[in-house]
Amino acid sequence: MPVTYLERLFPHELAAILQRKPALVLPFGTIEWHSYHLPVGLDSLKAQALAERIAETADIILGPLTPWAVGGVPFPYTIKFDLPLIETLMVRIFEQMAVFGFKVVLALTGHFGLEQTLAIKRASLQFMRQSPITVWGAGEFEAAVALGYKGDHAAKWETSLLWASHSDLIRLDAVAADQPLPGVQGEDPRGSASQQLGETAVQAIVSRWAALSDDLLQLDGVRRMQYIEALSVGVRVLEALLAERQAKPRSQVPPLATPAYLDHLDALYRFDFPAAQRHAELKLTNLQA
């Protein structure tokens, strides 16, 4: 099936699709320094590429990319907006999609710093508490943690993901092997990243996200409330961690991707929402200890 782009649809086509399957995927990205070997639009490019594959696989509509996000690395050529602005923008976007008639919104962000992750999850939560529409907002890595991808920056995984869709934009020879790649957070992509690894990750992410559209459309009221409650505790985890980072040096703040939090993410994707809530509560307890 070809990708169905929202902006290319005529009114009668959109009405027919909404009647058949009222779900869409919305990619979110940013413009940000990704060292010398990757373009500044990496987060937007990989989100767009993943969303196209998800829309094609799930036979749902693809909405336009939102290239504005919260925060970014302390390097040049990085666009940074504050959390309240972007969180409000996300809620307003979800509201407009509800007016169109969509029942499920898959909001995939290729930029997933702590604040951006908090923004998209808290916006999803806020919107769902005031609307019957169901939103799944997350960074792409959350669907591929079983592969070892826990979110990096311009490192092994992000480089591989872009390689899978835009091989012409990879410049691993931009800096000599014995010189650092400034801005890389994670495993050095030189010698670890590959197009094959990227395609493996893409397949895992697309498979899980494509299945979400059908699963979320079929959620009953009880299960939807369980999802909201599990997401709510996950948001409290992100809020607590952000408060820690604002009050202490980064070296003194525990990481997000601990076993309890990763178990929380895994349980969400398995739709075991009570387990997802328990794992998030454990993570929150560990943070407050």
C-alpha atoms as a PDB file:
ATOM      1  CA  MET A   1       0.000   0.000   0.000  1.00  0.00           C
ATOM      2  CA  PRO A   2       1.320   3.489  -0.779  1.00  0.00           C
ATOM      3  CA  VAL A   3       1.691   5.959   2.077  1.00  0.00           C
ATOM      4  CA  THR A   4      -1.449   8.042   2.622  1.00  0.00           C
ATOM      5  CA  TYR A   5      -0.370  11.608   3.412  1.00  0.00           C
ATOM      6  CA  LEU A   6      -2.978  13.706   5.221  1.00  0.00           C
ATOM      7  CA  GLU A   7      -2.120  16.874   3.323  1.00  0.00           C
ATOM      8  CA  ARG A   8      -2.651  15.165  -0.054  1.00  0.00           C
ATOM      9  CA  LEU A   9      -6.150  13.889   0.651  1.00  0.00           C
ATOM     10  CA  PHE A  10      -9.336  15.386  -0.774  1.00  0.00           C
ATOM     11  CA  PRO A  11     -12.275  15.804   1.635  1.00  0.00           C
ATOM     12  CA  HIS A  12     -14.245  12.831   0.312  1.00  0.00           C
ATOM     13  CA  GLU A  13     -11.138  10.597   0.539  1.00  0.00           C
ATOM     14  CA  LEU A  14     -10.467  11.654   4.114  1.00  0.00           C
ATOM     15  CA  ALA A  15     -14.088  11.066   5.100  1.00  0.00           C
ATOM     16  CA  ALA A  16     -13.998   7.537   3.666  1.00  0.00           C
ATOM     17  CA  ILE A  17     -10.755   6.650   5.486  1.00  0.00           C
ATOM     18  CA  LEU A  18     -12.030   8.048   8.785  1.00  0.00           C
ATOM     19  CA  GLN A  19     -15.085   5.861   8.447  1.00  0.00           C
ATOM     20  CA  ARG A  20     -12.942   2.785   7.836  1.00  0.00           C
ATOM     21  CA  LYS A  21     -10.003   3.294  10.206  1.00  0.00           C
ATOM     22  CA  PRO A  22      -9.789   6.620  12.131  1.00  0.00           C
ATOM     23  CA  ALA A  23      -6.121   6.463  13.139  1.00  0.00           C
ATOM     24  CA  LEU A  24      -3.029   8.384  12.118  1.00  0.00           C
ATOM     25  CA  VAL A  25       0.651   8.641  12.951  1.00  0.00           C
ATOM     26  CA  LEU A  26       2.287  11.998  13.652  1.00  0.00           C
ATOM     27  CA  PRO A  27       6.098  12.307  13.526  1.00  0.00           C
ATOM     28  CA  PHE A  28       7.897  14.820  15.761  1.00  0.00           C
ATOM     29  CA  GLY A  29      11.534  15.870  15.357  1.00  0.00           C
ATOM     30  CA  THR A  30      13.868  18.830  15.700  1.00  0.00           C
ATOM     31  CA  ILE A  31      16.945  20.552  14.305  1.00  0.00           C
ATOM     32  CA  GLU A  32      19.926  19.725  16.491  1.00  0.00           C
ATOM     33  CA  TRP A  33      23.676  19.141  16.414  1.00  0.00           C
ATOM     34  CA  HIS A  34      24.475  15.470  15.831  1.00  0.00           C
ATOM     35  CA  SER A  35      28.255  15.781  15.603  1.00  0.00           C
ATOM     36  CA  TYR A  36      30.142  15.946  12.305  1.00  0.00           C
ATOM     37  CA  HIS A  37      28.973  12.674  10.814  1.00  0.00           C
ATOM     38  CA  LEU A  38      25.199  13.268  10.817  1.00  0.00           C
ATOM     39  CA  PRO A  39      22.901  16.062   9.550  1.00  0.00           C
ATOM     40  CA  VAL A  40      21.279  18.474  11.993  1.00  0.00           C
ATOM     41  CA  GLY A  41      17.852  17.234  10.953  1.00  0.00           C
ATOM     42  CA  LEU A  42      18.511  13.625  11.964  1.00  0.00           C
ATOM     43  CA  ASP A  43      15.708  13.442  14.534  1.00  0.00           C
ATOM     44  CA  SER A  44      13.173  14.759  12.021  1.00  0.00           C
ATOM     45  CA  LEU A  45      14.466  12.580   9.189  1.00  0.00           C
ATOM     46  CA  LYS A  46      14.321   9.327  11.138  1.00  0.00           C
ATOM     47  CA  ALA A  47      10.923  10.164  12.653  1.00  0.00           C
ATOM     48  CA  GLN A  48       9.538  10.901   9.194  1.00  0.00           C
ATOM     49  CA  ALA A  49      11.007   7.711   7.711  1.00  0.00           C
ATOM     50  CA  LEU A  50       9.692   5.569  10.561  1.00  0.00           C
ATOM     51  CA  ALA A  51       6.247   7.182  10.418  1.00  0.00           C
ATOM     52  CA  GLU A  52       6.027   6.549   6.684  1.00  0.00           C
ATOM     53  CA  ARG A  53       6.783   2.868   7.227  1.00  0.00           C
ATOM     54  CA  ILE A  54       4.265   2.684  10.093  1.00  0.00           C
ATOM     55  CA  ALA A  55       1.536   4.362   8.038  1.00  0.00           C
ATOM     56  CA  GLU A  56       2.187   2.026   5.121  1.00  0.00           C
ATOM     57  CA  THR A  57       2.268  -1.127   7.259  1.00  0.00           C
ATOM     58  CA  ALA A  58      -0.774  -0.263   9.367  1.00  0.00           C
ATOM     59  CA  ASP A  59      -2.715   1.263   6.473  1.00  0.00           C
ATOM     60  CA  ILE A  60      -3.337   4.498   8.369  1.00  0.00           C
ATOM     61  CA  ILE A  61      -2.892   8.176   7.549  1.00  0.00           C
ATOM     62  CA  LEU A  62       0.443   9.930   7.966  1.00  0.00           C
ATOM     63  CA  GLY A  63       0.196  13.461   9.374  1.00  0.00           C
ATOM     64  CA  PRO A  64       2.738  16.248   8.799  1.00  0.00           C
ATOM     65  CA  LEU A  65       6.038  16.335  10.675  1.00  0.00           C
ATOM     66  CA  THR A  66       6.318  18.766  13.589  1.00  0.00           C
ATOM     67  CA  PRO A  67      10.002  19.871  13.550  1.00  0.00           C
ATOM     68  CA  TRP A  68       9.955  21.847  16.816  1.00  0.00           C
ATOM     69  CA  ALA A  69      10.866  20.285  20.148  1.00  0.00           C
ATOM     70  CA  VAL A  70      11.984  20.881  23.714  1.00  0.00           C
ATOM     71  CA  GLY A  71      15.630  21.473  24.477  1.00  0.00           C
ATOM     72  CA  GLY A  72      18.707  20.038  22.847  1.00  0.00           C
ATOM     73  CA  VAL A  73      22.437  19.503  23.281  1.00  0.00           C
ATOM     74  CA  PRO A  74      24.749  22.437  24.155  1.00  0.00           C
ATOM     75  CA  PHE A  75      26.217  22.671  20.657  1.00  0.00           C
ATOM     76  CA  PRO A  76      25.674  24.990  17.679  1.00  0.00           C
ATOM     77  CA  TYR A  77      22.886  24.654  15.114  1.00  0.00           C
ATOM     78  CA  THR A  78      20.400  23.454  17.714  1.00  0.00           C
ATOM     79  CA  ILE A  79      16.881  24.855  17.953  1.00  0.00           C
ATOM     80  CA  LYS A  80      15.619  24.941  21.540  1.00  0.00           C
ATOM     81  CA  PHE A  81      12.102  25.693  22.733  1.00  0.00           C
ATOM     82  CA  ASP A  82      10.901  25.490  26.329  1.00  0.00           C
ATOM     83  CA  LEU A  83       8.754  22.705  27.692  1.00  0.00           C
ATOM     84  CA  PRO A  84       5.490  24.616  28.332  1.00  0.00           C
ATOM     85  CA  LEU A  85       5.421  25.953  24.755  1.00  0.00           C
ATOM     86  CA  ILE A  86       5.974  22.598  23.051  1.00  0.00           C
ATOM     87  CA  GLU A  87       3.735  20.693  25.446  1.00  0.00           C
ATOM     88  CA  THR A  88       0.918  23.145  24.722  1.00  0.00           C
ATOM     89  CA  LEU A  89       1.591  22.838  20.988  1.00  0.00           C
ATOM     90  CA  MET A  90       1.297  19.046  21.226  1.00  0.00           C
ATOM     91  CA  VAL A  91      -2.016  19.237  23.092  1.00  0.00           C
ATOM     92  CA  ARG A  92      -3.366  21.656  20.488  1.00  0.00           C
ATOM     93  CA  ILE A  93      -2.286  19.351  17.655  1.00  0.00           C
ATOM     94  CA  PHE A  94      -4.064  16.414  19.301  1.00  0.00           C
ATOM     95  CA  GLU A  95      -7.166  18.572  19.728  1.00  0.00           C
ATOM     96  CA  GLN A  96      -7.185  19.441  16.026  1.00  0.00           C
ATOM     97  CA  MET A  97      -6.835  15.788  15.049  1.00  0.00           C
ATOM     98  CA  ALA A  98      -9.850  15.004  17.244  1.00  0.00           C
ATOM     99  CA  VAL A  99     -11.845  17.690  15.420  1.00  0.00           C
ATOM    100  CA  PHE A 100     -10.967  15.933  12.141  1.00  0.00           C
ATOM    101  CA  GLY A 101     -12.518  12.753  13.490  1.00  0.00           C
ATOM    102  CA  PHE A 102      -9.497  10.621  14.391  1.00  0.00           C
ATOM    103  CA  LYS A 103      -9.956   8.222  17.313  1.00  0.00           C
ATOM    104  CA  VAL A 104      -6.320   7.154  17.719  1.00  0.00           C
ATOM    105  CA  VAL A 105      -3.190   9.294  17.381  1.00  0.00           C
ATOM    106  CA  LEU A 106       0.270   7.703  17.306  1.00  0.00           C
ATOM    107  CA  ALA A 107       2.715  10.481  18.226  1.00  0.00           C
ATOM    108  CA  LEU A 108       6.239   9.301  17.498  1.00  0.00           C
ATOM    109  CA  THR A 109       9.156  11.557  18.427  1.00  0.00           C
ATOM    110  CA  GLY A 110      12.628  11.080  17.003  1.00  0.00           C
ATOM    111  CA  HIS A 111      13.967  13.607  19.532  1.00  0.00           C
ATOM    112  CA  PHE A 112      13.706  12.095  22.995  1.00  0.00           C
ATOM    113  CA  GLY A 113      15.637  14.031  25.591  1.00  0.00           C
ATOM    114  CA  LEU A 114      14.057  13.894  29.042  1.00  0.00           C
ATOM    115  CA  GLU A 115      12.071  17.107  28.577  1.00  0.00           C
ATOM    116  CA  GLN A 116      10.803  16.169  25.111  1.00  0.00           C
ATOM    117  CA  THR A 117       9.780  12.739  26.400  1.00  0.00           C
ATOM    118  CA  LEU A 118       7.970  14.376  29.309  1.00  0.00           C
ATOM    119  CA  ALA A 119       6.283  16.836  26.952  1.00  0.00           C
ATOM    120  CA  ILE A 120       4.855  14.229  24.594  1.00  0.00           C
ATOM    121  CA  LYS A 121       3.734  11.868  27.347  1.00  0.00           C
ATOM    122  CA  ARG A 122       2.247  14.560  29.569  1.00  0.00           C
ATOM    123  CA  ALA A 123       0.505  16.176  26.589  1.00  0.00           C
ATOM    124  CA  SER A 124      -0.949  12.774  25.678  1.00  0.00           C
ATOM    125  CA  LEU A 125      -2.102  12.263  29.249  1.00  0.00           C
ATOM    126  CA  GLN A 126      -3.627  15.731  29.576  1.00  0.00           C
ATOM    127  CA  PHE A 127      -5.475  15.384  26.294  1.00  0.00           C
ATOM    128  CA  MET A 128      -6.843  11.904  27.043  1.00  0.00           C
ATOM    129  CA  ARG A 129      -8.229  13.090  30.382  1.00  0.00           C
ATOM    130  CA  GLN A 130     -10.434  15.566  28.547  1.00  0.00           C
ATOM    131  CA  SER A 131     -11.207  13.601  25.374  1.00  0.00           C
ATOM    132  CA  PRO A 132     -12.254  10.086  24.328  1.00  0.00           C
ATOM    133  CA  ILE A 133      -9.418  10.048  21.768  1.00  0.00           C
ATOM    134  CA  THR A 134      -6.497   7.730  22.617  1.00  0.00           C
ATOM    135  CA  VAL A 135      -2.930   8.985  22.114  1.00  0.00           C
ATOM    136  CA  TRP A 136       0.281   6.959  22.216  1.00  0.00           C
ATOM    137  CA  GLY A 137       3.197   9.381  22.556  1.00  0.00           C
ATOM    138  CA  ALA A 138       6.761   8.067  22.815  1.00  0.00           C
ATOM    139  CA  GLY A 139      10.292   8.113  21.488  1.00  0.00           C
ATOM    140  CA  GLU A 140      11.049   5.501  18.879  1.00  0.00           C
ATOM    141  CA  PHE A 141      13.647   3.683  21.014  1.00  0.00           C
ATOM    142  CA  GLU A 142      10.977   2.565  23.491  1.00  0.00           C
ATOM    143  CA  ALA A 143       9.783  -0.056  21.014  1.00  0.00           C
ATOM    144  CA  ALA A 144      13.285  -1.479  20.508  1.00  0.00           C
ATOM    145  CA  VAL A 145      14.781  -1.767  23.998  1.00  0.00           C
ATOM    146  CA  ALA A 146      14.823  -5.569  23.630  1.00  0.00           C
ATOM    147  CA  LEU A 147      17.501  -5.076  20.966  1.00  0.00           C
ATOM    148  CA  GLY A 148      19.647  -3.067  23.379  1.00  0.00           C
ATOM    149  CA  TYR A 149      18.570   0.335  22.078  1.00  0.00           C
ATOM    150  CA  LYS A 150      17.912   2.501  25.139  1.00  0.00           C
ATOM    151  CA  GLY A 151      18.168   5.842  23.386  1.00  0.00           C
ATOM    152  CA  ASP A 152      21.470   7.454  22.379  1.00  0.00           C
ATOM    153  CA  HIS A 153      22.537  10.661  20.658  1.00  0.00           C
ATOM    154  CA  ALA A 154      24.405  10.549  17.346  1.00  0.00           C
ATOM    155  CA  ALA A 155      25.876   7.230  18.452  1.00  0.00           C
ATOM    156  CA  LYS A 156      25.547   3.605  17.328  1.00  0.00           C
ATOM    157  CA  TRP A 157      21.748   3.401  17.187  1.00  0.00           C
ATOM    158  CA  GLU A 158      20.753   6.799  15.841  1.00  0.00           C
ATOM    159  CA  THR A 159      23.427   6.546  13.164  1.00  0.00           C
ATOM    160  CA  SER A 160      22.201   3.082  12.184  1.00  0.00           C
ATOM    161  CA  LEU A 161      18.566   4.184  12.060  1.00  0.00           C
ATOM    162  CA  LEU A 162      19.347   7.031   9.674  1.00  0.00           C
ATOM    163  CA  TRP A 163      21.567   4.699   7.656  1.00  0.00           C
ATOM    164  CA  ALA A 164      18.561   2.462   7.027  1.00  0.00           C
ATOM    165  CA  SER A 165      16.593   5.264   5.349  1.00  0.00           C
ATOM    166  CA  HIS A 166      19.149   7.873   4.228  1.00  0.00           C
ATOM    167  CA  SER A 167      22.431   6.103   3.557  1.00  0.00           C
ATOM    168  CA  ASP A 168      23.610   9.109   1.551  1.00  0.00           C
ATOM    169  CA  LEU A 169      23.591  11.239   4.721  1.00  0.00           C
ATOM    170  CA  ILE A 170      26.061   9.168   6.752  1.00  0.00           C
ATOM    171  CA  ARG A 171      29.570  10.671   7.038  1.00  0.00           C
ATOM    172  CA  LEU A 172      31.461   8.338   9.368  1.00  0.00           C
ATOM    173  CA  ASP A 173      34.721   9.386   7.729  1.00  0.00           C
ATOM    174  CA  ALA A 174      34.141  13.060   8.592  1.00  0.00           C
ATOM    175  CA  VAL A 175      36.543  12.811  11.540  1.00  0.00           C
ATOM    176  CA  ALA A 176      39.642  10.623  11.817  1.00  0.00           C
ATOM    177  CA  ALA A 177      39.161   7.443  13.817  1.00  0.00           C
ATOM    178  CA  ASP A 178      41.530   8.644  16.542  1.00  0.00           C
ATOM    179  CA  GLN A 179      39.665  11.946  17.004  1.00  0.00           C
ATOM    180  CA  PRO A 180      36.518  12.434  19.124  1.00  0.00           C
ATOM    181  CA  LEU A 181      33.069  13.033  17.706  1.00  0.00           C
ATOM    182  CA  PRO A 182      31.778  15.915  19.853  1.00  0.00           C
ATOM    183  CA  GLY A 183      28.173  15.556  20.939  1.00  0.00           C
ATOM    184  CA  VAL A 184      27.990  11.777  20.707  1.00  0.00           C
ATOM    185  CA  GLN A 185      26.277  10.234  23.725  1.00  0.00           C
ATOM    186  CA  GLY A 186      26.568   6.475  23.619  1.00  0.00           C
ATOM    187  CA  GLU A 187      28.694   3.958  21.755  1.00  0.00           C
ATOM    188  CA  ASP A 188      31.015   5.403  19.106  1.00  0.00           C
ATOM    189  CA  PRO A 189      29.267   4.767  15.785  1.00  0.00           C
ATOM    190  CA  ARG A 190      32.548   4.151  13.990  1.00  0.00           C
ATOM    191  CA  GLY A 191      32.799   0.380  13.890  1.00  0.00           C
ATOM    192  CA  SER A 192      29.476  -0.252  15.645  1.00  0.00           C
ATOM    193  CA  ALA A 193      26.798   1.391  13.467  1.00  0.00           C
ATOM    194  CA  SER A 194      25.596  -0.237  10.269  1.00  0.00           C
ATOM    195  CA  GLN A 195      22.783  -0.119   7.762  1.00  0.00           C
ATOM    196  CA  GLN A 196      21.814  -3.692   8.671  1.00  0.00           C
ATOM    197  CA  LEU A 197      21.535  -2.849  12.372  1.00  0.00           C
ATOM    198  CA  GLY A 198      19.414   0.153  11.459  1.00  0.00           C
ATOM    199  CA  GLU A 199      17.062  -1.937   9.370  1.00  0.00           C
ATOM    200  CA  THR A 200      16.711  -4.465  12.203  1.00  0.00           C
ATOM    201  CA  ALA A 201      15.751  -1.654  14.574  1.00  0.00           C
ATOM    202  CA  VAL A 202      13.385  -0.122  12.015  1.00  0.00           C
ATOM    203  CA  GLN A 203      11.568  -3.427  11.557  1.00  0.00           C
ATOM    204  CA  ALA A 204      11.147  -3.848  15.319  1.00  0.00           C
ATOM    205  CA  ILE A 205       9.852  -0.304  15.786  1.00  0.00           C
ATOM    206  CA  VAL A 206       7.537  -0.360  12.772  1.00  0.00           C
ATOM    207  CA  SER A 207       6.086  -3.742  13.710  1.00  0.00           C
ATOM    208  CA  ARG A 208       5.165  -2.639  17.222  1.00  0.00           C
ATOM    209  CA  TRP A 209       3.856   0.788  16.256  1.00  0.00           C
ATOM    210  CA  ALA A 210       1.823  -0.529  13.326  1.00  0.00           C
ATOM    211  CA  ALA A 211       0.087  -2.983  15.652  1.00  0.00           C
ATOM    212  CA  LEU A 212      -0.783  -0.163  18.039  1.00  0.00           C
ATOM    213  CA  SER A 213      -3.330   1.414  15.717  1.00  0.00           C
ATOM    214  CA  ASP A 214      -5.594  -1.644  15.729  1.00  0.00           C
ATOM    215  CA  ASP A 215      -5.017  -2.435  19.398  1.00  0.00           C
ATOM    216  CA  LEU A 216      -5.781   1.103  20.570  1.00  0.00           C
ATOM    217  CA  LEU A 217      -8.896   1.351  18.413  1.00  0.00           C
ATOM    218  CA  GLN A 218     -10.195  -1.755  20.197  1.00  0.00           C
ATOM    219  CA  LEU A 219      -9.483  -0.581  23.760  1.00  0.00           C
ATOM    220  CA  ASP A 220     -12.564  -0.658  25.948  1.00  0.00           C
ATOM    221  CA  GLY A 221     -13.216   1.923  28.661  1.00  0.00           C
ATOM    222  CA  VAL A 222     -11.673  -0.104  31.478  1.00  0.00           C
ATOM    223  CA  ARG A 223      -8.477  -0.898  29.596  1.00  0.00           C
ATOM    224  CA  ARG A 224      -8.166   2.685  28.400  1.00  0.00           C
ATOM    225  CA  MET A 225      -8.375   3.914  31.997  1.00  0.00           C
ATOM    226  CA  GLN A 226      -5.709   1.378  32.998  1.00  0.00           C
ATOM    227  CA  TYR A 227      -3.497   2.741  30.232  1.00  0.00           C
ATOM    228  CA  ILE A 228      -4.065   6.303  31.435  1.00  0.00           C
ATOM    229  CA  GLU A 229      -3.215   5.363  35.026  1.00  0.00           C
ATOM    230  CA  ALA A 230      -0.023   3.547  33.981  1.00  0.00           C
ATOM    231  CA  LEU A 231       0.996   6.490  31.800  1.00  0.00           C
ATOM    232  CA  SER A 232       0.266   8.866  34.680  1.00  0.00           C
ATOM    233  CA  VAL A 233       2.756   7.126  36.963  1.00  0.00           C
ATOM    234  CA  GLY A 234       5.304   7.049  34.137  1.00  0.00           C
ATOM    235  CA  VAL A 235       4.887  10.811  33.758  1.00  0.00           C
ATOM    236  CA  ARG A 236       5.470  11.253  37.499  1.00  0.00           C
ATOM    237  CA  VAL A 237       8.740   9.355  37.070  1.00  0.00           C
ATOM    238  CA  LEU A 238       9.850  11.754  34.334  1.00  0.00           C
ATOM    239  CA  GLU A 239       8.817  14.784  36.392  1.00  0.00           C
ATOM    240  CA  ALA A 240      10.745  13.526  39.423  1.00  0.00           C
ATOM    241  CA  LEU A 241      13.850  12.838  37.358  1.00  0.00           C
ATOM    242  CA  LEU A 242      13.671  16.280  35.736  1.00  0.00           C
ATOM    243  CA  ALA A 243      13.430  17.893  39.188  1.00  0.00           C
ATOM    244  CA  GLU A 244      16.509  15.924  40.237  1.00  0.00           C
ATOM    245  CA  ARG A 245      18.455  17.095  37.198  1.00  0.00           C
ATOM    246  CA  GLN A 246      17.503  20.691  37.858  1.00  0.00           C
ATOM    247  CA  ALA A 247      18.632  20.491  41.494  1.00  0.00           C
ATOM    248  CA  LYS A 248      21.810  18.401  41.253  1.00  0.00           C
ATOM    249  CA  PRO A 249      24.835  17.911  38.987  1.00  0.00           C
ATOM    250  CA  ARG A 250      24.063  15.428  36.225  1.00  0.00           C
ATOM    251  CA  SER A 251      26.633  12.985  37.632  1.00  0.00           C
ATOM    252  CA  GLN A 252      24.583  12.683  40.830  1.00  0.00           C
ATOM    253  CA  VAL A 253      21.283  11.949  39.108  1.00  0.00           C
ATOM    254  CA  PRO A 254      20.328   8.308  38.422  1.00  0.00           C
ATOM    255  CA  PRO A 255      19.615   7.313  34.805  1.00  0.00           C
ATOM    256  CA  LEU A 256      16.120   6.922  33.429  1.00  0.00           C
ATOM    257  CA  ALA A 257      16.675   3.577  31.701  1.00  0.00           C
ATOM    258  CA  THR A 258      16.935   1.348  34.778  1.00  0.00           C
ATOM    259  CA  PRO A 259      15.445  -2.187  34.749  1.00  0.00           C
ATOM    260  CA  ALA A 260      12.256  -0.973  36.470  1.00  0.00           C
ATOM    261  CA  TYR A 261      11.650   1.724  33.851  1.00  0.00           C
ATOM    262  CA  LEU A 262      12.483  -0.560  30.949  1.00  0.00           C
ATOM    263  CA  ASP A 263      10.058  -3.126  32.383  1.00  0.00           C
ATOM    264  CA  HIS A 264       7.465  -0.334  32.522  1.00  0.00           C
ATOM    265  CA  LEU A 265       7.961   0.361  28.808  1.00  0.00           C
ATOM    266  CA  ASP A 266       7.875  -3.316  27.880  1.00  0.00           C
ATOM    267  CA  ALA A 267       4.639  -3.848  29.805  1.00  0.00           C
ATOM    268  CA  LEU A 268       3.053  -0.845  28.062  1.00  0.00           C
ATOM    269  CA  TYR A 269       3.782  -2.324  24.641  1.00  0.00           C
ATOM    270  CA  ARG A 270       2.394  -5.676  25.795  1.00  0.00           C
ATOM    271  CA  PHE A 271      -0.749  -3.827  26.925  1.00  0.00           C
ATOM    272  CA  ASP A 272      -0.238  -5.191  30.441  1.00  0.00           C
ATOM    273  CA  PHE A 273      -1.139  -1.852  31.957  1.00  0.00           C
ATOM    274  CA  PRO A 274      -1.382  -2.969  35.613  1.00  0.00           C
ATOM    275  CA  ALA A 275       2.180  -4.342  35.353  1.00  0.00           C
ATOM    276  CA  ALA A 276       3.322  -1.149  33.622  1.00  0.00           C
ATOM    277  CA  GLN A 277       1.910   0.856  36.517  1.00  0.00           C
ATOM    278  CA  ARG A 278       3.631  -1.353  39.120  1.00  0.00           C
ATOM    279  CA  HIS A 279       7.010  -1.052  37.394  1.00  0.00           C
ATOM    280  CA  ALA A 280       6.651   2.731  37.143  1.00  0.00           C
ATOM    281  CA  GLU A 281       5.725   2.910  40.828  1.00  0.00           C
ATOM    282  CA  LEU A 282       8.861   0.915  41.670  1.00  0.00           C
ATOM    283  CA  LYS A 283      10.968   3.286  39.583  1.00  0.00           C
ATOM    284  CA  LEU A 284       9.397   6.254  41.348  1.00  0.00           C
ATOM    285  CA  THR A 285      10.072   4.704  44.749  1.00  0.00           C
ATOM    286  CA  ASN A 286      13.713   4.140  43.794  1.00  0.00           C
ATOM    287  CA  LEU A 287      14.053   7.776  42.721  1.00  0.00           C
ATOM    288  CA  GLN A 288      12.567   9.042  45.977  1.00  0.00           C
ATOM    289  CA  ALA A 289      14.665   6.758  48.185  1.00  0.00           C
END
